Amino acid sequence: MPQMMPMEWTMLYITFLATFLMFNIMNYFTQSPSQQSKMKKTININKTNWKW
């Protein structure tokens, strides 16, 4: 069986690397932020009237 040319190995590596990165990026961005929706914090703003 003949060996593959180095350029073919490089293209094969790039293809698998791109597939792996796309899979991980898609899994990262498809997760819903469940922690933010559970905790709703109200921001207390104390307005003070400054008299100069």
PDB file of N, CA and C in Angstrom:
ATOM      1  N   MET A   1       0.851  -1.181   0.000  1.00  0.00           N
ATOM      2  CA  MET A   1       0.000   0.000   0.000  1.00  0.00           C
ATOM      3  C   MET A   1       0.892   1.239   0.000  1.00  0.00           C
ATOM      4  N   PRO A   2       0.728   2.132  -0.938  1.00  0.00           N
ATOM      5  CA  PRO A   2       1.595   3.311  -0.985  1.00  0.00           C
ATOM      6  C   PRO A   2       1.243   4.299   0.119  1.00  0.00           C
ATOM      7  N   GLN A   3       2.280   5.029   0.522  1.00  0.00           N
ATOM      8  CA  GLN A   3       2.072   6.024   1.562  1.00  0.00           C
ATOM      9  C   GLN A   3       1.389   7.249   0.961  1.00  0.00           C
ATOM     10  N   MET A   4       0.690   7.982   1.831  1.00  0.00           N
ATOM     11  CA  MET A   4       0.053   9.204   1.374  1.00  0.00           C
ATOM     12  C   MET A   4       1.098  10.311   1.274  1.00  0.00           C
ATOM     13  N   MET A   5       0.883  11.222   0.402  1.00  0.00           N
ATOM     14  CA  MET A   5       1.790  12.351   0.267  1.00  0.00           C
ATOM     15  C   MET A   5       1.651  13.265   1.494  1.00  0.00           C
ATOM     16  N   PRO A   6       2.690  14.007   1.847  1.00  0.00           N
ATOM     17  CA  PRO A   6       2.595  14.894   3.025  1.00  0.00           C
ATOM     18  C   PRO A   6       1.491  15.938   2.908  1.00  0.00           C
ATOM     19  N   MET A   7       1.229  16.417   1.695  1.00  0.00           N
ATOM     20  CA  MET A   7       0.164  17.405   1.525  1.00  0.00           C
ATOM     21  C   MET A   7      -1.191  16.783   1.841  1.00  0.00           C
ATOM     22  N   GLU A   8      -1.370  15.548   1.495  1.00  0.00           N
ATOM     23  CA  GLU A   8      -2.633  14.879   1.818  1.00  0.00           C
ATOM     24  C   GLU A   8      -2.780  14.677   3.330  1.00  0.00           C
ATOM     25  N   TRP A   9      -1.673  14.381   4.021  1.00  0.00           N
ATOM     26  CA  TRP A   9      -1.738  14.259   5.469  1.00  0.00           C
ATOM     27  C   TRP A   9      -2.101  15.601   6.101  1.00  0.00           C
ATOM     28  N   THR A  10      -1.546  16.682   5.551  1.00  0.00           N
ATOM     29  CA  THR A  10      -1.846  18.009   6.087  1.00  0.00           C
ATOM     30  C   THR A  10      -3.319  18.362   5.881  1.00  0.00           C
ATOM     31  N   MET A  11      -3.823  18.077   4.700  1.00  0.00           N
ATOM     32  CA  MET A  11      -5.233  18.368   4.438  1.00  0.00           C
ATOM     33  C   MET A  11      -6.145  17.503   5.302  1.00  0.00           C
ATOM     34  N   LEU A  12      -5.747  16.256   5.528  1.00  0.00           N
ATOM     35  CA  LEU A  12      -6.527  15.373   6.391  1.00  0.00           C
ATOM     36  C   LEU A  12      -6.542  15.905   7.824  1.00  0.00           C
ATOM     37  N   TYR A  13      -5.379  16.341   8.311  1.00  0.00           N
ATOM     38  CA  TYR A  13      -5.289  16.913   9.651  1.00  0.00           C
ATOM     39  C   TYR A  13      -6.142  18.174   9.761  1.00  0.00           C
ATOM     40  N   ILE A  14      -6.054  19.046   8.780  1.00  0.00           N
ATOM     41  CA  ILE A  14      -6.840  20.288   8.810  1.00  0.00           C
ATOM     42  C   ILE A  14      -8.330  19.985   8.781  1.00  0.00           C
ATOM     43  N   THR A  15      -8.737  18.994   8.005  1.00  0.00           N
ATOM     44  CA  THR A  15     -10.153  18.627   7.934  1.00  0.00           C
ATOM     45  C   THR A  15     -10.666  18.121   9.271  1.00  0.00           C
ATOM     46  N   PHE A  16      -9.902  17.216   9.897  1.00  0.00           N
ATOM     47  CA  PHE A  16     -10.339  16.695  11.193  1.00  0.00           C
ATOM     48  C   PHE A  16     -10.291  17.759  12.277  1.00  0.00           C
ATOM     49  N   LEU A  17      -9.299  18.631  12.217  1.00  0.00           N
ATOM     50  CA  LEU A  17      -9.218  19.698  13.205  1.00  0.00           C
ATOM     51  C   LEU A  17     -10.377  20.677  13.057  1.00  0.00           C
ATOM     52  N   ALA A  18     -10.714  21.031  11.823  1.00  0.00           N
ATOM     53  CA  ALA A  18     -11.837  21.941  11.597  1.00  0.00           C
ATOM     54  C   ALA A  18     -13.153  21.310  12.044  1.00  0.00           C
ATOM     55  N   THR A  19     -13.318  20.026  11.774  1.00  0.00           N
ATOM     56  CA  THR A  19     -14.538  19.331  12.206  1.00  0.00           C
ATOM     57  C   THR A  19     -14.628  19.293  13.728  1.00  0.00           C
ATOM     58  N   PHE A  20     -13.516  19.001  14.380  1.00  0.00           N
ATOM     59  CA  PHE A  20     -13.490  18.944  15.841  1.00  0.00           C
ATOM     60  C   PHE A  20     -13.792  20.304  16.447  1.00  0.00           C
ATOM     61  N   LEU A  21     -13.187  21.356  15.908  1.00  0.00           N
ATOM     62  CA  LEU A  21     -13.431  22.696  16.442  1.00  0.00           C
ATOM     63  C   LEU A  21     -14.865  23.145  16.212  1.00  0.00           C
ATOM     64  N   MET A  22     -15.405  22.883  15.051  1.00  0.00           N
ATOM     65  CA  MET A  22     -16.801  23.265  14.773  1.00  0.00           C
ATOM     66  C   MET A  22     -17.764  22.529  15.695  1.00  0.00           C
ATOM     67  N   PHE A  23     -17.491  21.249  15.941  1.00  0.00           N
ATOM     68  CA  PHE A  23     -18.353  20.474  16.837  1.00  0.00           C
ATOM     69  C   PHE A  23     -18.319  21.059  18.245  1.00  0.00           C
ATOM     70  N   ASN A  24     -17.126  21.394  18.726  1.00  0.00           N
ATOM     71  CA  ASN A  24     -17.019  21.948  20.076  1.00  0.00           C
ATOM     72  C   ASN A  24     -17.630  23.339  20.173  1.00  0.00           C
ATOM     73  N   ILE A  25     -17.440  24.158  19.161  1.00  0.00           N
ATOM     74  CA  ILE A  25     -18.015  25.504  19.170  1.00  0.00           C
ATOM     75  C   ILE A  25     -19.537  25.437  19.135  1.00  0.00           C
ATOM     76  N   MET A  26     -20.080  24.549  18.316  1.00  0.00           N
ATOM     77  CA  MET A  26     -21.541  24.421  18.252  1.00  0.00           C
ATOM     78  C   MET A  26     -22.100  23.915  19.571  1.00  0.00           C
ATOM     79  N   ASN A  27     -21.417  22.983  20.235  1.00  0.00           N
ATOM     80  CA  ASN A  27     -21.899  22.493  21.527  1.00  0.00           C
ATOM     81  C   ASN A  27     -21.788  23.561  22.606  1.00  0.00           C
ATOM     82  N   TYR A  28     -20.786  24.406  22.513  1.00  0.00           N
ATOM     83  CA  TYR A  28     -20.627  25.469  23.506  1.00  0.00           C
ATOM     84  C   TYR A  28     -21.728  26.509  23.392  1.00  0.00           C
ATOM     85  N   PHE A  29     -22.063  26.905  22.176  1.00  0.00           N
ATOM     86  CA  PHE A  29     -23.032  27.976  21.992  1.00  0.00           C
ATOM     87  C   PHE A  29     -24.477  27.499  22.016  1.00  0.00           C
ATOM     88  N   THR A  30     -24.748  26.189  21.953  1.00  0.00           N
ATOM     89  CA  THR A  30     -26.127  25.724  21.998  1.00  0.00           C
ATOM     90  C   THR A  30     -26.620  25.489  23.425  1.00  0.00           C
ATOM     91  N   GLN A  31     -25.734  25.565  24.417  1.00  0.00           N
ATOM     92  CA  GLN A  31     -26.177  25.383  25.796  1.00  0.00           C
ATOM     93  C   GLN A  31     -26.888  26.641  26.258  1.00  0.00           C
ATOM     94  N   SER A  32     -28.046  26.442  26.861  1.00  0.00           N
ATOM     95  CA  SER A  32     -28.803  27.592  27.339  1.00  0.00           C
ATOM     96  C   SER A  32     -28.292  28.009  28.714  1.00  0.00           C
ATOM     97  N   PRO A  33     -28.219  29.280  28.991  1.00  0.00           N
ATOM     98  CA  PRO A  33     -27.751  29.735  30.309  1.00  0.00           C
ATOM     99  C   PRO A  33     -28.844  29.562  31.351  1.00  0.00           C
ATOM    100  N   SER A  34     -28.901  28.402  31.969  1.00  0.00           N
ATOM    101  CA  SER A  34     -29.976  28.105  32.917  1.00  0.00           C
ATOM    102  C   SER A  34     -29.762  28.816  34.252  1.00  0.00           C
ATOM    103  N   GLN A  35     -28.527  29.118  34.610  1.00  0.00           N
ATOM    104  CA  GLN A  35     -28.267  29.748  35.899  1.00  0.00           C
ATOM    105  C   GLN A  35     -28.763  31.189  35.932  1.00  0.00           C
ATOM    106  N   GLN A  36     -28.661  31.898  34.827  1.00  0.00           N
ATOM    107  CA  GLN A  36     -29.111  33.283  34.815  1.00  0.00           C
ATOM    108  C   GLN A  36     -30.625  33.387  34.917  1.00  0.00           C
ATOM    109  N   SER A  37     -31.352  32.482  34.288  1.00  0.00           N
ATOM    110  CA  SER A  37     -32.807  32.584  34.310  1.00  0.00           C
ATOM    111  C   SER A  37     -33.382  32.246  35.684  1.00  0.00           C
ATOM    112  N   LYS A  38     -32.690  31.420  36.467  1.00  0.00           N
ATOM    113  CA  LYS A  38     -33.186  31.068  37.788  1.00  0.00           C
ATOM    114  C   LYS A  38     -33.009  32.203  38.781  1.00  0.00           C
ATOM    115  N   MET A  39     -31.873  32.854  38.717  1.00  0.00           N
ATOM    116  CA  MET A  39     -31.585  33.905  39.682  1.00  0.00           C
ATOM    117  C   MET A  39     -31.872  35.264  39.061  1.00  0.00           C
ATOM    118  N   LYS A  40     -32.905  35.918  39.562  1.00  0.00           N
ATOM    119  CA  LYS A  40     -33.225  37.259  39.107  1.00  0.00           C
ATOM    120  C   LYS A  40     -32.962  38.220  40.264  1.00  0.00           C
ATOM    121  N   LYS A  41     -31.983  39.050  40.066  1.00  0.00           N
ATOM    122  CA  LYS A  41     -31.632  40.003  41.107  1.00  0.00           C
ATOM    123  C   LYS A  41     -32.195  41.364  40.732  1.00  0.00           C
ATOM    124  N   THR A  42     -32.742  42.011  41.725  1.00  0.00           N
ATOM    125  CA  THR A  42     -33.227  43.369  41.493  1.00  0.00           C
ATOM    126  C   THR A  42     -32.127  44.343  41.906  1.00  0.00           C
ATOM    127  N   ILE A  43     -31.947  45.339  41.104  1.00  0.00           N
ATOM    128  CA  ILE A  43     -30.928  46.336  41.377  1.00  0.00           C
ATOM    129  C   ILE A  43     -31.579  47.490  42.124  1.00  0.00           C
ATOM    130  N   ASN A  44     -31.123  47.723  43.320  1.00  0.00           N
ATOM    131  CA  ASN A  44     -31.655  48.818  44.132  1.00  0.00           C
ATOM    132  C   ASN A  44     -30.868  50.073  43.820  1.00  0.00           C
ATOM    133  N   ILE A  45     -31.562  51.063  43.324  1.00  0.00           N
ATOM    134  CA  ILE A  45     -30.933  52.341  43.013  1.00  0.00           C
ATOM    135  C   ILE A  45     -31.444  53.365  44.015  1.00  0.00           C
ATOM    136  N   ASN A  46     -30.537  53.841  44.824  1.00  0.00           N
ATOM    137  CA  ASN A  46     -30.897  54.865  45.806  1.00  0.00           C
ATOM    138  C   ASN A  46     -30.583  56.226  45.200  1.00  0.00           C
ATOM    139  N   LYS A  47     -31.631  56.955  44.850  1.00  0.00           N
ATOM    140  CA  LYS A  47     -31.429  58.270  44.271  1.00  0.00           C
ATOM    141  C   LYS A  47     -31.422  59.293  45.380  1.00  0.00           C
ATOM    142  N   THR A  48     -30.372  60.071  45.381  1.00  0.00           N
ATOM    143  CA  THR A  48     -30.289  61.138  46.370  1.00  0.00           C
ATOM    144  C   THR A  48     -30.333  62.486  45.665  1.00  0.00           C
ATOM    145  N   ASN A  49     -31.059  63.411  46.253  1.00  0.00           N
ATOM    146  CA  ASN A  49     -31.150  64.747  45.703  1.00  0.00           C
ATOM    147  C   ASN A  49     -30.050  65.589  46.317  1.00  0.00           C
ATOM    148  N   TRP A  50     -29.096  65.918  45.502  1.00  0.00           N
ATOM    149  CA  TRP A  50     -27.998  66.750  45.962  1.00  0.00           C
ATOM    150  C   TRP A  50     -28.397  68.220  45.909  1.00  0.00           C
ATOM    151  N   LYS A  51     -28.185  68.896  47.012  1.00  0.00           N
ATOM    152  CA  LYS A  51     -28.492  70.321  47.076  1.00  0.00           C
ATOM    153  C   LYS A  51     -27.173  71.067  47.186  1.00  0.00           C
ATOM    154  N   TRP A  52     -26.813  71.723  46.133  1.00  0.00           N
ATOM    155  CA  TRP A  52     -25.517  72.426  46.117  1.00  0.00           C
ATOM    156  C   TRP A  52     -25.715  73.841  46.589  1.00  0.00           C
TER     157      TRP A  52
END
